[in-house]
Amino acid sequence: MEREGNTEAEARLQLERETAVAAVQSCERPEELGALLWRVVELYAGEPFFTSKQLPFTYTVKGRELFCDRKEKSITEATVTRAYEKILAAQAAGDPIRGPKRLCMFGAPYIWGILKGTGLAG
């Protein structure tokens, strides 16, 4: 019986994640983008992700910061939002970003891994 409950909880979480990702993808108001994106980050905390060099990592969220298990310093909500905005701008300009190097910011390999892993980049 408990396993069924876990399956239902997992299905609910997956639906919530998909809904949050769709909300980011369809966001038309720049002032709302950061909060929507951060909700995705919160919902995926604890899940395994990979850098572009295939190094596995997970992260936790505390307030407006995320902490990767491979780094000591945190990555802020503002940095994640700036990275995503940079990806969108490059895509709109017809020159899509295909890896973390072009983000040119602290934590880029991890931000890229999260955005790619959630379907928001790459």
PDB file of N, CA and C in Angstrom:
ATOM      1  N   MET A   1       0.825  -1.184   0.000  1.00  0.00           N
ATOM      2  CA  MET A   1       0.000   0.000   0.000  1.00  0.00           C
ATOM      3  C   MET A   1       0.874   1.255   0.000  1.00  0.00           C
ATOM      4  N   GLU A   2       1.967   1.249   0.768  1.00  0.00           N
ATOM      5  CA  GLU A   2       2.829   2.422   0.847  1.00  0.00           C
ATOM      6  C   GLU A   2       3.479   2.703  -0.510  1.00  0.00           C
ATOM      7  N   ARG A   3       3.834   1.643  -1.229  1.00  0.00           N
ATOM      8  CA  ARG A   3       4.465   1.814  -2.536  1.00  0.00           C
ATOM      9  C   ARG A   3       3.528   2.540  -3.498  1.00  0.00           C
ATOM     10  N   GLU A   4       2.234   2.217  -3.444  1.00  0.00           N
ATOM     11  CA  GLU A   4       1.271   2.911  -4.290  1.00  0.00           C
ATOM     12  C   GLU A   4       1.248   4.399  -3.959  1.00  0.00           C
ATOM     13  N   GLY A   5       1.306   4.726  -2.689  1.00  0.00           N
ATOM     14  CA  GLY A   5       1.337   6.118  -2.259  1.00  0.00           C
ATOM     15  C   GLY A   5       2.559   6.823  -2.808  1.00  0.00           C
ATOM     16  N   ASN A   6       3.702   6.125  -2.767  1.00  0.00           N
ATOM     17  CA  ASN A   6       4.930   6.710  -3.316  1.00  0.00           C
ATOM     18  C   ASN A   6       4.791   6.944  -4.814  1.00  0.00           C
ATOM     19  N   THR A   7       4.187   5.999  -5.500  1.00  0.00           N
ATOM     20  CA  THR A   7       4.006   6.140  -6.938  1.00  0.00           C
ATOM     21  C   THR A   7       3.104   7.334  -7.236  1.00  0.00           C
ATOM     22  N   GLU A   8       2.038   7.491  -6.468  1.00  0.00           N
ATOM     23  CA  GLU A   8       1.157   8.645  -6.644  1.00  0.00           C
ATOM     24  C   GLU A   8       1.899   9.945  -6.359  1.00  0.00           C
ATOM     25  N   ALA A   9       2.681   9.957  -5.287  1.00  0.00           N
ATOM     26  CA  ALA A   9       3.455  11.151  -4.938  1.00  0.00           C
ATOM     27  C   ALA A   9       4.468  11.458  -6.026  1.00  0.00           C
ATOM     28  N   GLU A  10       5.115  10.424  -6.554  1.00  0.00           N
ATOM     29  CA  GLU A  10       6.086  10.619  -7.631  1.00  0.00           C
ATOM     30  C   GLU A  10       5.408  11.158  -8.877  1.00  0.00           C
ATOM     31  N   ALA A  11       4.229  10.642  -9.182  1.00  0.00           N
ATOM     32  CA  ALA A  11       3.483  11.106 -10.361  1.00  0.00           C
ATOM     33  C   ALA A  11       3.056  12.566 -10.184  1.00  0.00           C
ATOM     34  N   ARG A  12       2.621  12.917  -8.973  1.00  0.00           N
ATOM     35  CA  ARG A  12       2.237  14.308  -8.700  1.00  0.00           C
ATOM     36  C   ARG A  12       3.431  15.237  -8.853  1.00  0.00           C
ATOM     37  N   LEU A  13       4.591  14.808  -8.304  1.00  0.00           N
ATOM     38  CA  LEU A  13       5.804  15.618  -8.404  1.00  0.00           C
ATOM     39  C   LEU A  13       6.206  15.781  -9.870  1.00  0.00           C
ATOM     40  N   GLN A  14       6.143  14.711 -10.634  1.00  0.00           N
ATOM     41  CA  GLN A  14       6.502  14.791 -12.053  1.00  0.00           C
ATOM     42  C   GLN A  14       5.578  15.757 -12.798  1.00  0.00           C
ATOM     43  N   LEU A  15       4.289  15.694 -12.510  1.00  0.00           N
ATOM     44  CA  LEU A  15       3.337  16.605 -13.140  1.00  0.00           C
ATOM     45  C   LEU A  15       3.622  18.047 -12.737  1.00  0.00           C
ATOM     46  N   GLU A  16       3.937  18.264 -11.468  1.00  0.00           N
ATOM     47  CA  GLU A  16       4.252  19.607 -10.989  1.00  0.00           C
ATOM     48  C   GLU A  16       5.512  20.139 -11.675  1.00  0.00           C
ATOM     49  N   ARG A  17       6.505  19.259 -11.848  1.00  0.00           N
ATOM     50  CA  ARG A  17       7.734  19.655 -12.542  1.00  0.00           C
ATOM     51  C   ARG A  17       7.448  20.037 -13.989  1.00  0.00           C
ATOM     52  N   GLU A  18       6.690  19.198 -14.682  1.00  0.00           N
ATOM     53  CA  GLU A  18       6.373  19.460 -16.088  1.00  0.00           C
ATOM     54  C   GLU A  18       5.591  20.763 -16.237  1.00  0.00           C
ATOM     55  N   THR A  19       4.666  20.999 -15.324  1.00  0.00           N
ATOM     56  CA  THR A  19       3.871  22.222 -15.348  1.00  0.00           C
ATOM     57  C   THR A  19       4.751  23.445 -15.114  1.00  0.00           C
ATOM     58  N   ALA A  20       5.692  23.335 -14.187  1.00  0.00           N
ATOM     59  CA  ALA A  20       6.591  24.451 -13.883  1.00  0.00           C
ATOM     60  C   ALA A  20       7.506  24.754 -15.067  1.00  0.00           C
ATOM     61  N   VAL A  21       8.020  23.715 -15.721  1.00  0.00           N
ATOM     62  CA  VAL A  21       8.880  23.910 -16.892  1.00  0.00           C
ATOM     63  C   VAL A  21       8.076  24.573 -18.007  1.00  0.00           C
ATOM     64  N   ALA A  22       6.851  24.111 -18.230  1.00  0.00           N
ATOM     65  CA  ALA A  22       5.996  24.697 -19.264  1.00  0.00           C
ATOM     66  C   ALA A  22       5.705  26.168 -18.964  1.00  0.00           C
ATOM     67  N   ALA A  23       5.530  26.499 -17.689  1.00  0.00           N
ATOM     68  CA  ALA A  23       5.270  27.893 -17.303  1.00  0.00           C
ATOM     69  C   ALA A  23       6.466  28.780 -17.644  1.00  0.00           C
ATOM     70  N   VAL A  24       7.671  28.275 -17.433  1.00  0.00           N
ATOM     71  CA  VAL A  24       8.875  29.044 -17.791  1.00  0.00           C
ATOM     72  C   VAL A  24       8.941  29.216 -19.306  1.00  0.00           C
ATOM     73  N   GLN A  25       8.716  28.133 -20.029  1.00  0.00           N
ATOM     74  CA  GLN A  25       8.818  28.175 -21.484  1.00  0.00           C
ATOM     75  C   GLN A  25       7.788  29.113 -22.120  1.00  0.00           C
ATOM     76  N   SER A  26       6.647  29.257 -21.482  1.00  0.00           N
ATOM     77  CA  SER A  26       5.592  30.095 -22.066  1.00  0.00           C
ATOM     78  C   SER A  26       5.515  31.489 -21.432  1.00  0.00           C
ATOM     79  N   CYS A  27       6.436  31.785 -20.534  1.00  0.00           N
ATOM     80  CA  CYS A  27       6.419  33.071 -19.836  1.00  0.00           C
ATOM     81  C   CYS A  27       6.651  34.210 -20.820  1.00  0.00           C
ATOM     82  N   GLU A  28       5.746  35.173 -20.785  1.00  0.00           N
ATOM     83  CA  GLU A  28       5.867  36.340 -21.657  1.00  0.00           C
ATOM     84  C   GLU A  28       6.163  37.615 -20.888  1.00  0.00           C
ATOM     85  N   ARG A  29       6.198  37.522 -19.572  1.00  0.00           N
ATOM     86  CA  ARG A  29       6.450  38.702 -18.744  1.00  0.00           C
ATOM     87  C   ARG A  29       7.812  38.549 -18.065  1.00  0.00           C
ATOM     88  N   PRO A  30       8.805  39.313 -18.518  1.00  0.00           N
ATOM     89  CA  PRO A  30      10.158  39.189 -17.967  1.00  0.00           C
ATOM     90  C   PRO A  30      10.225  39.316 -16.448  1.00  0.00           C
ATOM     91  N   GLU A  31       9.346  40.124 -15.863  1.00  0.00           N
ATOM     92  CA  GLU A  31       9.376  40.308 -14.412  1.00  0.00           C
ATOM     93  C   GLU A  31       8.928  39.052 -13.656  1.00  0.00           C
ATOM     94  N   GLU A  32       8.290  38.107 -14.336  1.00  0.00           N
ATOM     95  CA  GLU A  32       7.837  36.864 -13.696  1.00  0.00           C
ATOM     96  C   GLU A  32       8.792  35.699 -13.935  1.00  0.00           C
ATOM     97  N   LEU A  33       9.686  35.859 -14.900  1.00  0.00           N
ATOM     98  CA  LEU A  33      10.553  34.754 -15.312  1.00  0.00           C
ATOM     99  C   LEU A  33      11.393  34.196 -14.169  1.00  0.00           C
ATOM    100  N   GLY A  34      12.024  35.065 -13.378  1.00  0.00           N
ATOM    101  CA  GLY A  34      12.907  34.609 -12.307  1.00  0.00           C
ATOM    102  C   GLY A  34      12.195  33.717 -11.303  1.00  0.00           C
ATOM    103  N   ALA A  35      11.012  34.119 -10.876  1.00  0.00           N
ATOM    104  CA  ALA A  35      10.259  33.334  -9.893  1.00  0.00           C
ATOM    105  C   ALA A  35       9.820  31.993 -10.474  1.00  0.00           C
ATOM    106  N   LEU A  36       9.387  31.998 -11.731  1.00  0.00           N
ATOM    107  CA  LEU A  36       8.972  30.746 -12.376  1.00  0.00           C
ATOM    108  C   LEU A  36      10.156  29.796 -12.537  1.00  0.00           C
ATOM    109  N   LEU A  37      11.285  30.350 -12.952  1.00  0.00           N
ATOM    110  CA  LEU A  37      12.489  29.540 -13.136  1.00  0.00           C
ATOM    111  C   LEU A  37      12.966  28.970 -11.804  1.00  0.00           C
ATOM    112  N   TRP A  38      12.931  29.788 -10.767  1.00  0.00           N
ATOM    113  CA  TRP A  38      13.388  29.317  -9.459  1.00  0.00           C
ATOM    114  C   TRP A  38      12.491  28.199  -8.937  1.00  0.00           C
ATOM    115  N   ARG A  39      11.210  28.237  -9.270  1.00  0.00           N
ATOM    116  CA  ARG A  39      10.296  27.161  -8.866  1.00  0.00           C
ATOM    117  C   ARG A  39      10.740  25.848  -9.494  1.00  0.00           C
ATOM    118  N   VAL A  40      11.169  25.881 -10.736  1.00  0.00           N
ATOM    119  CA  VAL A  40      11.692  24.682 -11.391  1.00  0.00           C
ATOM    120  C   VAL A  40      12.919  24.184 -10.642  1.00  0.00           C
ATOM    121  N   VAL A  41      13.824  25.097 -10.326  1.00  0.00           N
ATOM    122  CA  VAL A  41      15.044  24.729  -9.589  1.00  0.00           C
ATOM    123  C   VAL A  41      14.675  24.056  -8.264  1.00  0.00           C
ATOM    124  N   GLU A  42      13.730  24.611  -7.552  1.00  0.00           N
ATOM    125  CA  GLU A  42      13.298  24.030  -6.267  1.00  0.00           C
ATOM    126  C   GLU A  42      12.708  22.633  -6.450  1.00  0.00           C
ATOM    127  N   LEU A  43      11.900  22.451  -7.473  1.00  0.00           N
ATOM    128  CA  LEU A  43      11.234  21.167  -7.687  1.00  0.00           C
ATOM    129  C   LEU A  43      12.196  20.044  -8.075  1.00  0.00           C
ATOM    130  N   TYR A  44      13.314  20.398  -8.674  1.00  0.00           N
ATOM    131  CA  TYR A  44      14.290  19.386  -9.102  1.00  0.00           C
ATOM    132  C   TYR A  44      15.426  19.177  -8.104  1.00  0.00           C
ATOM    133  N   ALA A  45      15.427  19.892  -7.007  1.00  0.00           N
ATOM    134  CA  ALA A  45      16.491  19.728  -5.996  1.00  0.00           C
ATOM    135  C   ALA A  45      16.551  18.271  -5.550  1.00  0.00           C
ATOM    136  N   GLY A  46      17.769  17.759  -5.458  1.00  0.00           N
ATOM    137  CA  GLY A  46      17.978  16.381  -5.024  1.00  0.00           C
ATOM    138  C   GLY A  46      18.056  15.383  -6.165  1.00  0.00           C
ATOM    139  N   GLU A  47      17.631  15.780  -7.354  1.00  0.00           N
ATOM    140  CA  GLU A  47      17.705  14.892  -8.513  1.00  0.00           C
ATOM    141  C   GLU A  47      19.126  14.882  -9.076  1.00  0.00           C
ATOM    142  N   PRO A  48      19.546  13.780  -9.658  1.00  0.00           N
ATOM    143  CA  PRO A  48      20.883  13.750 -10.268  1.00  0.00           C
ATOM    144  C   PRO A  48      20.900  14.467 -11.615  1.00  0.00           C
ATOM    145  N   PHE A  49      21.922  15.272 -11.823  1.00  0.00           N
ATOM    146  CA  PHE A  49      22.157  15.970 -13.078  1.00  0.00           C
ATOM    147  C   PHE A  49      23.593  15.698 -13.500  1.00  0.00           C
ATOM    148  N   PHE A  50      23.950  16.140 -14.716  1.00  0.00           N
ATOM    149  CA  PHE A  50      25.302  15.951 -15.226  1.00  0.00           C
ATOM    150  C   PHE A  50      25.804  17.239 -15.864  1.00  0.00           C
ATOM    151  N   THR A  51      27.078  17.539 -15.650  1.00  0.00           N
ATOM    152  CA  THR A  51      27.700  18.653 -16.347  1.00  0.00           C
ATOM    153  C   THR A  51      27.903  18.222 -17.801  1.00  0.00           C
ATOM    154  N   SER A  52      28.333  19.141 -18.645  1.00  0.00           N
ATOM    155  CA  SER A  52      28.571  18.791 -20.046  1.00  0.00           C
ATOM    156  C   SER A  52      29.725  17.795 -20.191  1.00  0.00           C
ATOM    157  N   LYS A  53      30.565  17.701 -19.168  1.00  0.00           N
ATOM    158  CA  LYS A  53      31.657  16.715 -19.168  1.00  0.00           C
ATOM    159  C   LYS A  53      31.219  15.413 -18.500  1.00  0.00           C
ATOM    160  N   GLN A  54      29.915  15.284 -18.274  1.00  0.00           N
ATOM    161  CA  GLN A  54      29.294  14.096 -17.696  1.00  0.00           C
ATOM    162  C   GLN A  54      29.686  13.816 -16.248  1.00  0.00           C
ATOM    163  N   LEU A  55      30.013  14.866 -15.504  1.00  0.00           N
ATOM    164  CA  LEU A  55      30.261  14.720 -14.077  1.00  0.00           C
ATOM    165  C   LEU A  55      28.917  14.791 -13.362  1.00  0.00           C
ATOM    166  N   PRO A  56      28.590  13.773 -12.567  1.00  0.00           N
ATOM    167  CA  PRO A  56      27.293  13.779 -11.885  1.00  0.00           C
ATOM    168  C   PRO A  56      27.289  14.755 -10.711  1.00  0.00           C
ATOM    169  N   PHE A  57      26.130  15.367 -10.463  1.00  0.00           N
ATOM    170  CA  PHE A  57      25.973  16.227  -9.294  1.00  0.00           C
ATOM    171  C   PHE A  57      24.513  16.290  -8.892  1.00  0.00           C
ATOM    172  N   THR A  58      24.295  16.641  -7.649  1.00  0.00           N
ATOM    173  CA  THR A  58      22.963  16.961  -7.148  1.00  0.00           C
ATOM    174  C   THR A  58      23.088  18.315  -6.457  1.00  0.00           C
ATOM    175  N   TYR A  59      21.954  18.888  -6.094  1.00  0.00           N
ATOM    176  CA  TYR A  59      22.005  20.164  -5.393  1.00  0.00           C
ATOM    177  C   TYR A  59      20.847  20.267  -4.411  1.00  0.00           C
ATOM    178  N   THR A  60      21.031  21.167  -3.456  1.00  0.00           N
ATOM    179  CA  THR A  60      19.974  21.503  -2.517  1.00  0.00           C
ATOM    180  C   THR A  60      19.689  22.991  -2.659  1.00  0.00           C
ATOM    181  N   VAL A  61      18.518  23.390  -2.220  1.00  0.00           N
ATOM    182  CA  VAL A  61      18.127  24.796  -2.272  1.00  0.00           C
ATOM    183  C   VAL A  61      17.894  25.284  -0.856  1.00  0.00           C
ATOM    184  N   LYS A  62      18.491  26.421  -0.553  1.00  0.00           N
ATOM    185  CA  LYS A  62      18.257  27.097   0.729  1.00  0.00           C
ATOM    186  C   LYS A  62      17.944  28.542   0.411  1.00  0.00           C
ATOM    187  N   GLY A  63      16.699  28.916   0.585  1.00  0.00           N
ATOM    188  CA  GLY A  63      16.290  30.275   0.261  1.00  0.00           C
ATOM    189  C   GLY A  63      16.441  30.546  -1.212  1.00  0.00           C
ATOM    190  N   ARG A  64      17.230  31.535  -1.547  1.00  0.00           N
ATOM    191  CA  ARG A  64      17.442  31.935  -2.944  1.00  0.00           C
ATOM    192  C   ARG A  64      18.822  31.512  -3.452  1.00  0.00           C
ATOM    193  N   GLU A  65      19.349  30.419  -2.889  1.00  0.00           N
ATOM    194  CA  GLU A  65      20.649  29.912  -3.310  1.00  0.00           C
ATOM    195  C   GLU A  65      20.555  28.411  -3.527  1.00  0.00           C
ATOM    196  N   LEU A  66      21.342  27.925  -4.478  1.00  0.00           N
ATOM    197  CA  LEU A  66      21.456  26.480  -4.632  1.00  0.00           C
ATOM    198  C   LEU A  66      22.893  26.082  -4.341  1.00  0.00           C
ATOM    199  N   PHE A  67      23.039  24.929  -3.740  1.00  0.00           N
ATOM    200  CA  PHE A  67      24.340  24.403  -3.334  1.00  0.00           C
ATOM    201  C   PHE A  67      24.561  23.062  -4.008  1.00  0.00           C
ATOM    202  N   CYS A  68      25.540  23.007  -4.904  1.00  0.00           N
ATOM    203  CA  CYS A  68      25.885  21.760  -5.586  1.00  0.00           C
ATOM    204  C   CYS A  68      26.785  20.930  -4.685  1.00  0.00           C
ATOM    205  N   ASP A  69      26.632  19.634  -4.769  1.00  0.00           N
ATOM    206  CA  ASP A  69      27.463  18.766  -3.947  1.00  0.00           C
ATOM    207  C   ASP A  69      28.917  18.736  -4.418  1.00  0.00           C
ATOM    208  N   ARG A  70      29.225  19.312  -5.563  1.00  0.00           N
ATOM    209  CA  ARG A  70      30.593  19.345  -6.077  1.00  0.00           C
ATOM    210  C   ARG A  70      31.270  20.693  -5.841  1.00  0.00           C
ATOM    211  N   LYS A  71      30.562  21.657  -5.273  1.00  0.00           N
ATOM    212  CA  LYS A  71      31.097  23.017  -5.062  1.00  0.00           C
ATOM    213  C   LYS A  71      30.800  23.473  -3.652  1.00  0.00           C
ATOM    214  N   GLU A  72      31.621  24.351  -3.137  1.00  0.00           N
ATOM    215  CA  GLU A  72      31.366  24.895  -1.808  1.00  0.00           C
ATOM    216  C   GLU A  72      30.536  26.168  -1.875  1.00  0.00           C
ATOM    217  N   LYS A  73      30.806  27.017  -2.869  1.00  0.00           N
ATOM    218  CA  LYS A  73      30.084  28.280  -2.969  1.00  0.00           C
ATOM    219  C   LYS A  73      28.696  28.057  -3.571  1.00  0.00           C
ATOM    220  N   SER A  74      27.764  28.902  -3.175  1.00  0.00           N
ATOM    221  CA  SER A  74      26.402  28.771  -3.682  1.00  0.00           C
ATOM    222  C   SER A  74      26.247  29.501  -5.017  1.00  0.00           C
ATOM    223  N   ILE A  75      25.184  29.147  -5.718  1.00  0.00           N
ATOM    224  CA  ILE A  75      24.791  29.815  -6.947  1.00  0.00           C
ATOM    225  C   ILE A  75      23.448  30.470  -6.647  1.00  0.00           C
ATOM    226  N   THR A  76      23.344  31.750  -6.907  1.00  0.00           N
ATOM    227  CA  THR A  76      22.135  32.487  -6.527  1.00  0.00           C
ATOM    228  C   THR A  76      21.031  32.386  -7.586  1.00  0.00           C
ATOM    229  N   GLU A  77      19.839  32.675  -7.142  1.00  0.00           N
ATOM    230  CA  GLU A  77      18.680  32.720  -8.037  1.00  0.00           C
ATOM    231  C   GLU A  77      18.936  33.700  -9.177  1.00  0.00           C
ATOM    232  N   ALA A  78      19.495  34.857  -8.853  1.00  0.00           N
ATOM    233  CA  ALA A  78      19.756  35.878  -9.870  1.00  0.00           C
ATOM    234  C   ALA A  78      20.716  35.371 -10.942  1.00  0.00           C
ATOM    235  N   THR A  79      21.710  34.597 -10.557  1.00  0.00           N
ATOM    236  CA  THR A  79      22.670  34.058 -11.518  1.00  0.00           C
ATOM    237  C   THR A  79      21.991  33.055 -12.450  1.00  0.00           C
ATOM    238  N   VAL A  80      21.141  32.208 -11.907  1.00  0.00           N
ATOM    239  CA  VAL A  80      20.411  31.227 -12.718  1.00  0.00           C
ATOM    240  C   VAL A  80      19.506  31.962 -13.714  1.00  0.00           C
ATOM    241  N   THR A  81      18.822  32.976 -13.240  1.00  0.00           N
ATOM    242  CA  THR A  81      17.928  33.748 -14.115  1.00  0.00           C
ATOM    243  C   THR A  81      18.716  34.440 -15.216  1.00  0.00           C
ATOM    244  N   ARG A  82      19.851  35.045 -14.856  1.00  0.00           N
ATOM    245  CA  ARG A  82      20.696  35.723 -15.845  1.00  0.00           C
ATOM    246  C   ARG A  82      21.172  34.736 -16.915  1.00  0.00           C
ATOM    247  N   ALA A  83      21.538  33.536 -16.489  1.00  0.00           N
ATOM    248  CA  ALA A  83      21.989  32.507 -17.438  1.00  0.00           C
ATOM    249  C   ALA A  83      20.870  32.134 -18.404  1.00  0.00           C
ATOM    250  N   TYR A  84      19.670  31.939 -17.871  1.00  0.00           N
ATOM    251  CA  TYR A  84      18.548  31.560 -18.725  1.00  0.00           C
ATOM    252  C   TYR A  84      18.198  32.687 -19.694  1.00  0.00           C
ATOM    253  N   GLU A  85      18.235  33.912 -19.218  1.00  0.00           N
ATOM    254  CA  GLU A  85      17.966  35.055 -20.094  1.00  0.00           C
ATOM    255  C   GLU A  85      19.008  35.140 -21.212  1.00  0.00           C
ATOM    256  N   LYS A  86      20.254  34.821 -20.885  1.00  0.00           N
ATOM    257  CA  LYS A  86      21.330  34.825 -21.878  1.00  0.00           C
ATOM    258  C   LYS A  86      21.071  33.750 -22.938  1.00  0.00           C
ATOM    259  N   ILE A  87      20.613  32.589 -22.502  1.00  0.00           N
ATOM    260  CA  ILE A  87      20.290  31.491 -23.420  1.00  0.00           C
ATOM    261  C   ILE A  87      19.149  31.911 -24.353  1.00  0.00           C
ATOM    262  N   LEU A  88      18.114  32.526 -23.787  1.00  0.00           N
ATOM    263  CA  LEU A  88      16.975  32.976 -24.599  1.00  0.00           C
ATOM    264  C   LEU A  88      17.396  34.036 -25.608  1.00  0.00           C
ATOM    265  N   ALA A  89      18.221  34.985 -25.172  1.00  0.00           N
ATOM    266  CA  ALA A  89      18.670  36.063 -26.059  1.00  0.00           C
ATOM    267  C   ALA A  89      19.502  35.504 -27.217  1.00  0.00           C
ATOM    268  N   ALA A  90      20.379  34.568 -26.932  1.00  0.00           N
ATOM    269  CA  ALA A  90      21.210  33.965 -27.972  1.00  0.00           C
ATOM    270  C   ALA A  90      20.347  33.175 -28.961  1.00  0.00           C
ATOM    271  N   GLN A  91      19.367  32.485 -28.431  1.00  0.00           N
ATOM    272  CA  GLN A  91      18.449  31.716 -29.274  1.00  0.00           C
ATOM    273  C   GLN A  91      17.659  32.657 -30.197  1.00  0.00           C
ATOM    274  N   ALA A  92      17.157  33.751 -29.636  1.00  0.00           N
ATOM    275  CA  ALA A  92      16.399  34.732 -30.417  1.00  0.00           C
ATOM    276  C   ALA A  92      17.267  35.370 -31.499  1.00  0.00           C
ATOM    277  N   ALA A  93      18.564  35.501 -31.225  1.00  0.00           N
ATOM    278  CA  ALA A  93      19.489  36.099 -32.188  1.00  0.00           C
ATOM    279  C   ALA A  93      19.950  35.089 -33.241  1.00  0.00           C
ATOM    280  N   GLY A  94      19.485  33.848 -33.136  1.00  0.00           N
ATOM    281  CA  GLY A  94      19.866  32.824 -34.103  1.00  0.00           C
ATOM    282  C   GLY A  94      21.222  32.213 -33.851  1.00  0.00           C
ATOM    283  N   ASP A  95      21.739  32.393 -32.661  1.00  0.00           N
ATOM    284  CA  ASP A  95      23.052  31.858 -32.303  1.00  0.00           C
ATOM    285  C   ASP A  95      22.936  31.117 -30.971  1.00  0.00           C
ATOM    286  N   PRO A  96      22.239  29.969 -30.953  1.00  0.00           N
ATOM    287  CA  PRO A  96      21.959  29.290 -29.692  1.00  0.00           C
ATOM    288  C   PRO A  96      23.213  28.858 -28.930  1.00  0.00           C
ATOM    289  N   ILE A  97      23.117  28.942 -27.631  1.00  0.00           N
ATOM    290  CA  ILE A  97      24.194  28.484 -26.745  1.00  0.00           C
ATOM    291  C   ILE A  97      24.067  26.972 -26.610  1.00  0.00           C
ATOM    292  N   ARG A  98      25.159  26.265 -26.833  1.00  0.00           N
ATOM    293  CA  ARG A  98      25.124  24.807 -26.819  1.00  0.00           C
ATOM    294  C   ARG A  98      25.958  24.177 -25.695  1.00  0.00           C
ATOM    295  N   GLY A  99      26.411  25.020 -24.780  1.00  0.00           N
ATOM    296  CA  GLY A  99      27.205  24.515 -23.671  1.00  0.00           C
ATOM    297  C   GLY A  99      27.464  25.612 -22.662  1.00  0.00           C
ATOM    298  N   PRO A 100      28.050  25.259 -21.524  1.00  0.00           N
ATOM    299  CA  PRO A 100      28.201  26.216 -20.431  1.00  0.00           C
ATOM    300  C   PRO A 100      29.234  27.309 -20.657  1.00  0.00           C
ATOM    301  N   LYS A 101      30.218  27.067 -21.519  1.00  0.00           N
ATOM    302  CA  LYS A 101      31.305  28.037 -21.686  1.00  0.00           C
ATOM    303  C   LYS A 101      30.815  29.423 -22.074  1.00  0.00           C
ATOM    304  N   ARG A 102      29.861  29.492 -22.958  1.00  0.00           N
ATOM    305  CA  ARG A 102      29.382  30.790 -23.451  1.00  0.00           C
ATOM    306  C   ARG A 102      28.525  31.534 -22.428  1.00  0.00           C
ATOM    307  N   LEU A 103      28.155  30.876 -21.344  1.00  0.00           N
ATOM    308  CA  LEU A 103      27.406  31.586 -20.308  1.00  0.00           C
ATOM    309  C   LEU A 103      28.304  32.582 -19.584  1.00  0.00           C
ATOM    310  N   CYS A 104      29.599  32.272 -19.483  1.00  0.00           N
ATOM    311  CA  CYS A 104      30.584  33.163 -18.871  1.00  0.00           C
ATOM    312  C   CYS A 104      30.147  33.668 -17.500  1.00  0.00           C
ATOM    313  N   MET A 105      29.829  32.760 -16.603  1.00  0.00           N
ATOM    314  CA  MET A 105      29.433  33.159 -15.255  1.00  0.00           C
ATOM    315  C   MET A 105      29.767  32.057 -14.265  1.00  0.00           C
ATOM    316  N   PHE A 106      29.807  32.444 -12.999  1.00  0.00           N
ATOM    317  CA  PHE A 106      30.103  31.490 -11.937  1.00  0.00           C
ATOM    318  C   PHE A 106      29.055  30.381 -11.934  1.00  0.00           C
ATOM    319  N   GLY A 107      29.510  29.145 -11.810  1.00  0.00           N
ATOM    320  CA  GLY A 107      28.601  28.009 -11.709  1.00  0.00           C
ATOM    321  C   GLY A 107      28.019  27.559 -13.031  1.00  0.00           C
ATOM    322  N   ALA A 108      28.533  28.076 -14.144  1.00  0.00           N
ATOM    323  CA  ALA A 108      27.970  27.775 -15.462  1.00  0.00           C
ATOM    324  C   ALA A 108      27.819  26.272 -15.747  1.00  0.00           C
ATOM    325  N   PRO A 109      28.800  25.425 -15.422  1.00  0.00           N
ATOM    326  CA  PRO A 109      28.619  24.000 -15.714  1.00  0.00           C
ATOM    327  C   PRO A 109      27.406  23.397 -14.988  1.00  0.00           C
ATOM    328  N   TYR A 110      27.150  23.869 -13.802  1.00  0.00           N
ATOM    329  CA  TYR A 110      26.034  23.335 -13.017  1.00  0.00           C
ATOM    330  C   TYR A 110      24.712  23.943 -13.467  1.00  0.00           C
ATOM    331  N   ILE A 111      24.714  25.230 -13.736  1.00  0.00           N
ATOM    332  CA  ILE A 111      23.501  25.878 -14.239  1.00  0.00           C
ATOM    333  C   ILE A 111      23.105  25.239 -15.566  1.00  0.00           C
ATOM    334  N   TRP A 112      24.081  25.067 -16.451  1.00  0.00           N
ATOM    335  CA  TRP A 112      23.813  24.454 -17.752  1.00  0.00           C
ATOM    336  C   TRP A 112      23.261  23.037 -17.556  1.00  0.00           C
ATOM    337  N   GLY A 113      23.870  22.264 -16.675  1.00  0.00           N
ATOM    338  CA  GLY A 113      23.413  20.895 -16.419  1.00  0.00           C
ATOM    339  C   GLY A 113      21.972  20.855 -15.938  1.00  0.00           C
ATOM    340  N   ILE A 114      21.609  21.778 -15.066  1.00  0.00           N
ATOM    341  CA  ILE A 114      20.244  21.840 -14.549  1.00  0.00           C
ATOM    342  C   ILE A 114      19.277  22.259 -15.648  1.00  0.00           C
ATOM    343  N   LEU A 115      19.612  23.309 -16.364  1.00  0.00           N
ATOM    344  CA  LEU A 115      18.702  23.793 -17.416  1.00  0.00           C
ATOM    345  C   LEU A 115      18.543  22.762 -18.533  1.00  0.00           C
ATOM    346  N   LYS A 116      19.630  22.114 -18.885  1.00  0.00           N
ATOM    347  CA  LYS A 116      19.550  21.062 -19.919  1.00  0.00           C
ATOM    348  C   LYS A 116      18.759  19.877 -19.391  1.00  0.00           C
ATOM    349  N   GLY A 117      19.028  19.478 -18.154  1.00  0.00           N
ATOM    350  CA  GLY A 117      18.352  18.329 -17.577  1.00  0.00           C
ATOM    351  C   GLY A 117      16.862  18.513 -17.377  1.00  0.00           C
ATOM    352  N   THR A 118      16.436  19.758 -17.229  1.00  0.00           N
ATOM    353  CA  THR A 118      15.006  20.028 -17.065  1.00  0.00           C
ATOM    354  C   THR A 118      14.328  20.331 -18.399  1.00  0.00           C
ATOM    355  N   GLY A 119      15.110  20.386 -19.465  1.00  0.00           N
ATOM    356  CA  GLY A 119      14.550  20.654 -20.773  1.00  0.00           C
ATOM    357  C   GLY A 119      14.468  22.125 -21.129  1.00  0.00           C
ATOM    358  N   LEU A 120      15.105  22.976 -20.333  1.00  0.00           N
ATOM    359  CA  LEU A 120      15.042  24.415 -20.585  1.00  0.00           C
ATOM    360  C   LEU A 120      16.225  24.934 -21.399  1.00  0.00           C
ATOM    361  N   ALA A 121      17.187  24.082 -21.706  1.00  0.00           N
ATOM    362  CA  ALA A 121      18.344  24.488 -22.513  1.00  0.00           C
ATOM    363  C   ALA A 121      18.821  23.290 -23.328  1.00  0.00           C
ATOM    364  N   GLY A 122      19.629  23.593 -24.325  1.00  0.00           N
ATOM    365  CA  GLY A 122      20.302  22.559 -25.070  1.00  0.00           C
ATOM    366  C   GLY A 122      19.505  21.989 -26.168  1.00  0.00           C
TER     367      GLY A 122
END
